[in-house]
Amino acid sequence: MTQRAILCPRCRRLIGSDESSCSWCGAARPAAWRQATARMWGGSDGAWVVRAIITVNVVFYLFSLILSSHGGSPLNPFGMLTPDRTSLLLLGGTGTIPVDRFGRYWTIISANYLHGGIFHILFNLMALRQIAPWVSQEYGINRMFIIYTLGGMCGYVVSNLAGVPFTIGASAAVCGLIGALLYFGRSRGGMYGSAVYREVSGWVISLFIFGLLMPGINNWAHGGGIVGGAVMGKLLGYGEQRPETAAHRFLALMCALLTGAVLVWAVVGAFLLWFR
């Protein structure tokens, strides 16, 4: 069967139908089964990973609404469909209260999948849907998920060190992706790198101004996520520097297993405590 022209998994240039390797960077043409698997799971831009993250965020938002009591103290009294503080605390909200008072250190992971209202989750997931595929394109699927996970953790570690008592939201992890793009643009240079850096810098400035004007915005988590994402981008490297390796895939798997274990623990613990 005649093979088709495809995009190189390393440099994203075209590999001709009669070529066994990329004429631009020398990367070998992926095996047919790997190409089929990539198409089945949403292609090389990490679409399936983004869909999975969005799904988990939505499921946890619904869990928080189910657990919420009508007499609870809402995180945002003006929010639409707002979970109460008790449900968010049980499901893994982080901050100095959960971490210092109750020793729930694992909440620096679970807090990335909780939201305080319908507009909160919509804004964060819209940003994720725009930024994550871009990071996947430049870093690869595995490195994108590593940056998302560790960037979010860094954001909430900084937030806790700054004394924020209680906080939630995917924005720390999304800011980790923004930080990785900042590093990419600055490191790569050239017309494309400079354009990336300028655009992402505009996002950072907008985030900073928005955080100053709007109450309840966790600027510490945003800043920590951006710095953490930039550091991860430098340590992991992007596609034009080096291709994804088995080590990247292993670390991404460990991030996925750790996240899954923490979220299952949060759900089981929350329901046991709430309905005992």
Protein backbone atom coordinates (compact mmCIF):
# COMPACT_ATOMS: atom_id res chain seq x y z
CA MET A 1 0.00 0.00 0.00
CA THR A 2 1.35 3.45 -0.93
CA GLN A 3 2.26 5.54 2.07
CA ARG A 4 1.11 9.13 2.40
CA ALA A 5 3.03 12.33 2.93
CA ILE A 6 3.01 13.27 6.63
CA LEU A 7 4.28 15.99 8.93
CA CYS A 8 7.58 15.23 10.62
CA PRO A 9 7.00 14.55 14.34
CA ARG A 10 10.18 16.49 15.20
CA CYS A 11 10.32 19.60 13.01
CA ARG A 12 6.71 19.65 11.69
CA ARG A 13 7.86 19.88 8.04
CA LEU A 14 6.57 17.61 5.31
CA ILE A 15 7.96 14.10 4.79
CA GLY A 16 7.22 13.04 1.22
CA SER A 17 5.38 9.84 0.40
CA ASP A 18 8.56 8.31 -1.05
CA GLU A 19 10.84 9.35 1.84
CA SER A 20 11.81 7.11 4.76
CA SER A 21 13.10 10.04 6.83
CA CYS A 22 12.68 13.80 7.07
CA SER A 23 14.90 15.62 4.57
CA TRP A 24 14.95 18.66 6.89
CA CYS A 25 15.98 17.21 10.28
CA GLY A 26 16.72 13.56 9.55
CA ALA A 27 14.02 12.11 11.82
CA ALA A 28 12.81 8.67 10.76
CA ARG A 29 9.28 8.32 9.38
CA PRO A 30 7.05 6.97 12.18
CA ALA A 31 5.85 3.40 11.77
CA ALA A 32 2.39 2.99 10.24
CA TRP A 33 0.90 1.78 13.53
CA ARG A 34 2.19 4.86 15.33
CA GLN A 35 0.66 7.13 12.69
CA ALA A 36 -2.68 5.33 13.04
CA THR A 37 -2.54 5.61 16.82
CA ALA A 38 -1.76 9.32 16.61
CA ARG A 39 -4.73 9.90 14.29
CA MET A 40 -7.03 7.88 16.56
CA TRP A 41 -6.07 9.89 19.63
CA GLY A 42 -6.31 13.31 18.04
CA GLY A 43 -3.06 13.76 16.16
CA SER A 44 0.31 15.07 17.22
CA ASP A 45 -1.01 18.33 18.64
CA GLY A 46 -2.09 16.61 21.85
CA ALA A 47 -5.81 17.15 21.25
CA TRP A 48 -6.77 14.00 23.14
CA VAL A 49 -4.71 15.05 26.17
CA VAL A 50 -6.39 18.47 26.17
CA ARG A 51 -9.81 16.82 25.92
CA ALA A 52 -8.95 14.54 28.83
CA ILE A 53 -7.85 17.47 31.02
CA ILE A 54 -11.01 19.42 30.14
CA THR A 55 -13.19 16.38 30.90
CA VAL A 56 -11.63 15.85 34.32
CA ASN A 57 -12.08 19.54 35.16
CA VAL A 58 -15.75 19.41 34.18
CA VAL A 59 -16.35 16.18 36.12
CA PHE A 60 -14.78 17.63 39.26
CA TYR A 61 -16.79 20.81 38.88
CA LEU A 62 -19.96 18.68 38.78
CA PHE A 63 -18.75 16.70 41.81
CA SER A 64 -18.28 19.95 43.73
CA LEU A 65 -21.83 21.04 42.88
CA ILE A 66 -23.22 17.68 44.00
CA LEU A 67 -21.42 17.94 47.32
CA SER A 68 -22.35 21.57 47.90
CA SER A 69 -24.98 22.32 50.49
CA HIS A 70 -27.43 25.18 50.10
CA GLY A 71 -26.36 26.63 53.41
CA GLY A 72 -22.65 26.55 52.64
CA SER A 73 -20.36 29.54 52.40
CA PRO A 74 -19.78 30.15 48.67
CA LEU A 75 -16.34 30.96 47.36
CA ASN A 76 -17.88 33.66 45.18
CA PRO A 77 -21.34 34.81 46.34
CA PHE A 78 -21.92 36.53 42.99
CA GLY A 79 -20.93 33.50 40.92
CA MET A 80 -23.36 31.41 38.93
CA LEU A 81 -23.57 27.74 39.94
CA THR A 82 -20.99 28.23 42.68
CA PRO A 83 -19.81 25.31 44.85
CA ASP A 84 -19.48 26.02 48.55
CA ARG A 85 -16.17 26.14 50.41
CA THR A 86 -16.78 22.88 52.25
CA SER A 87 -17.13 20.81 49.07
CA LEU A 88 -14.08 22.47 47.52
CA LEU A 89 -12.06 21.86 50.67
CA LEU A 90 -13.08 18.19 50.74
CA LEU A 91 -12.27 17.70 47.05
CA GLY A 92 -8.79 19.14 47.38
CA GLY A 93 -8.67 22.93 47.41
CA THR A 94 -5.25 24.11 48.52
CA GLY A 95 -3.79 27.00 50.52
CA THR A 96 -2.37 27.51 53.97
CA ILE A 97 -5.54 26.21 55.63
CA PRO A 98 -5.60 22.78 53.93
CA VAL A 99 -1.79 22.40 53.82
CA ASP A 100 -0.58 23.89 57.11
CA ARG A 101 -3.59 23.13 59.29
CA PHE A 102 -4.61 19.73 57.93
CA GLY A 103 -1.41 18.49 56.26
CA ARG A 104 -3.10 18.00 52.87
CA TYR A 105 0.05 18.56 50.80
CA TRP A 106 -1.39 16.64 47.86
CA THR A 107 -3.86 19.48 47.27
CA ILE A 108 -1.24 21.39 45.23
CA ILE A 109 -2.21 18.88 42.50
CA SER A 110 -5.95 18.50 43.04
CA ALA A 111 -6.59 22.26 43.27
CA ASN A 112 -5.72 22.51 39.56
CA TYR A 113 -8.93 20.60 38.75
CA LEU A 114 -11.37 22.58 40.92
CA HIS A 115 -13.28 25.76 40.12
CA GLY A 116 -15.41 28.21 42.02
CA GLY A 117 -18.13 28.90 39.47
CA ILE A 118 -19.34 28.47 35.92
CA PHE A 119 -17.50 31.53 34.58
CA HIS A 120 -14.33 30.54 36.43
CA ILE A 121 -14.19 27.14 34.74
CA LEU A 122 -15.23 28.48 31.33
CA PHE A 123 -12.50 31.12 31.23
CA ASN A 124 -9.80 28.69 32.38
CA LEU A 125 -10.79 25.91 29.99
CA MET A 126 -11.09 28.31 27.05
CA ALA A 127 -7.54 29.49 27.78
CA LEU A 128 -6.37 25.88 28.09
CA ARG A 129 -8.00 24.96 24.78
CA GLN A 130 -6.16 27.80 23.06
CA ILE A 131 -2.72 27.45 24.66
CA ALA A 132 -2.19 23.71 25.24
CA PRO A 133 -2.17 22.69 21.53
CA TRP A 134 0.39 25.41 20.84
CA VAL A 135 2.65 24.09 23.61
CA SER A 136 2.14 20.53 22.31
CA GLN A 137 3.20 21.66 18.84
CA GLU A 138 6.49 23.12 20.10
CA TYR A 139 7.29 20.75 22.97
CA GLY A 140 5.35 17.56 22.18
CA ILE A 141 2.42 15.95 23.96
CA ASN A 142 4.39 14.46 26.84
CA ARG A 143 6.34 17.58 27.69
CA MET A 144 3.17 19.66 27.48
CA PHE A 145 1.50 17.50 30.13
CA ILE A 146 4.60 17.53 32.34
CA ILE A 147 4.70 21.34 32.16
CA TYR A 148 0.97 21.58 32.84
CA THR A 149 1.23 19.37 35.92
CA LEU A 150 4.47 20.67 37.42
CA GLY A 151 3.73 24.28 36.47
CA GLY A 152 0.44 24.09 38.36
CA MET A 153 2.17 22.58 41.37
CA CYS A 154 4.81 25.33 41.33
CA GLY A 155 2.10 27.97 41.18
CA TYR A 156 0.35 26.63 44.27
CA VAL A 157 3.59 26.11 46.19
CA VAL A 158 4.38 29.79 45.66
CA SER A 159 0.81 30.70 46.60
CA ASN A 160 1.04 28.74 49.84
CA LEU A 161 4.42 30.26 50.70
CA ALA A 162 2.86 33.69 50.14
CA GLY A 163 0.19 32.87 52.73
CA VAL A 164 -2.90 32.56 50.54
CA PRO A 165 -5.37 30.74 52.84
CA PHE A 166 -7.54 28.97 50.26
CA THR A 167 -7.38 28.78 46.47
CA ILE A 168 -8.39 26.66 43.47
CA GLY A 169 -8.43 26.72 39.67
CA ALA A 170 -6.61 25.53 36.57
CA SER A 171 -5.10 28.96 35.95
CA ALA A 172 -1.83 28.10 37.74
CA ALA A 173 -1.30 25.15 35.38
CA VAL A 174 -2.35 27.20 32.34
CA CYS A 175 0.16 29.85 33.41
CA GLY A 176 2.76 27.09 33.46
CA LEU A 177 2.07 26.57 29.75
CA ILE A 178 2.32 30.32 29.19
CA GLY A 179 5.71 30.33 30.93
CA ALA A 180 6.93 27.52 28.67
CA LEU A 181 5.90 29.52 25.59
CA LEU A 182 7.69 32.57 26.98
CA TYR A 183 10.88 30.55 27.29
CA PHE A 184 10.40 29.05 23.83
CA GLY A 185 9.97 32.44 22.18
CA ARG A 186 12.95 33.99 23.95
CA SER A 187 15.21 30.97 23.41
CA ARG A 188 14.33 30.29 19.77
CA GLY A 189 14.58 33.87 18.57
CA GLY A 190 14.17 34.78 14.93
CA MET A 191 10.97 36.18 13.50
CA TYR A 192 8.80 33.33 14.74
CA GLY A 193 10.32 33.17 18.22
CA SER A 194 10.10 36.94 18.62
CA ALA A 195 6.45 36.89 17.51
CA VAL A 196 5.66 34.16 20.04
CA TYR A 197 7.44 36.05 22.81
CA ARG A 198 5.61 39.31 22.04
CA GLU A 199 2.19 37.67 21.94
CA VAL A 200 2.68 35.66 25.12
CA SER A 201 4.18 38.69 26.90
CA GLY A 202 0.93 40.49 26.11
CA TRP A 203 -1.00 37.69 27.82
CA VAL A 204 1.21 38.01 30.91
CA ILE A 205 0.67 41.76 31.09
CA SER A 206 -3.09 41.29 30.68
CA LEU A 207 -3.09 38.68 33.46
CA PHE A 208 -1.22 41.05 35.75
CA ILE A 209 -3.58 43.97 35.09
CA PHE A 210 -6.64 41.72 35.40
CA GLY A 211 -5.32 40.41 38.72
CA LEU A 212 -4.88 43.94 40.06
CA LEU A 213 -8.37 45.06 39.04
CA MET A 214 -10.41 41.98 39.93
CA PRO A 215 -10.81 40.76 43.54
CA GLY A 216 -10.12 37.14 44.37
CA ILE A 217 -7.48 36.58 41.65
CA ASN A 218 -4.50 34.58 42.92
CA ASN A 219 -1.60 36.46 41.38
CA TRP A 220 0.90 34.46 43.41
CA ALA A 221 -0.27 31.22 41.79
CA HIS A 222 -0.21 32.83 38.35
CA GLY A 223 3.31 34.17 38.82
CA GLY A 224 4.55 30.90 40.29
CA GLY A 225 3.02 28.97 37.41
CA ILE A 226 4.66 31.21 34.79
CA VAL A 227 8.10 30.92 36.43
CA GLY A 228 7.68 27.18 36.95
CA GLY A 229 6.61 26.67 33.33
CA ALA A 230 9.58 28.66 32.02
CA VAL A 231 11.98 26.61 34.15
CA MET A 232 10.36 23.36 32.98
CA GLY A 233 10.60 24.56 29.38
CA LYS A 234 14.33 25.14 29.79
CA LEU A 235 14.97 21.84 31.57
CA LEU A 236 12.87 19.70 29.24
CA GLY A 237 13.74 21.47 26.00
CA TYR A 238 11.45 22.01 23.02
CA GLY A 239 11.15 20.08 19.79
CA GLU A 240 13.66 22.08 17.74
CA GLN A 241 16.29 21.59 20.44
CA ARG A 242 15.76 17.85 20.92
CA PRO A 243 12.97 15.35 20.24
CA GLU A 244 10.89 13.79 22.97
CA THR A 245 12.65 10.85 24.59
CA ALA A 246 11.66 7.81 26.61
CA ALA A 247 12.50 9.83 29.73
CA HIS A 248 9.92 12.46 28.76
CA ARG A 249 7.31 9.78 28.15
CA PHE A 250 8.10 8.14 31.50
CA LEU A 251 7.87 11.45 33.39
CA ALA A 252 4.56 12.27 31.68
CA LEU A 253 3.24 8.85 32.69
CA MET A 254 4.33 9.44 36.29
CA CYS A 255 2.57 12.83 36.28
CA ALA A 256 -0.60 11.17 34.95
CA LEU A 257 -0.49 8.36 37.53
CA LEU A 258 0.20 10.78 40.39
CA THR A 259 -2.60 13.09 39.27
CA GLY A 260 -5.02 10.19 38.89
CA ALA A 261 -4.15 8.78 42.32
CA VAL A 262 -4.58 12.20 43.98
CA LEU A 263 -7.94 12.85 42.31
CA VAL A 264 -9.30 9.39 43.17
CA TRP A 265 -8.14 9.90 46.77
CA ALA A 266 -9.87 13.30 46.84
CA VAL A 267 -13.18 11.95 45.54
CA VAL A 268 -13.26 8.88 47.79
CA GLY A 269 -12.27 10.90 50.86
CA ALA A 270 -14.78 13.64 50.11
CA PHE A 271 -17.71 11.27 49.72
CA LEU A 272 -16.74 9.25 52.81
CA LEU A 273 -16.52 12.39 54.95
CA TRP A 274 -19.65 13.99 53.50
CA PHE A 275 -21.97 11.00 53.72
CA ARG A 276 -20.70 9.26 56.85
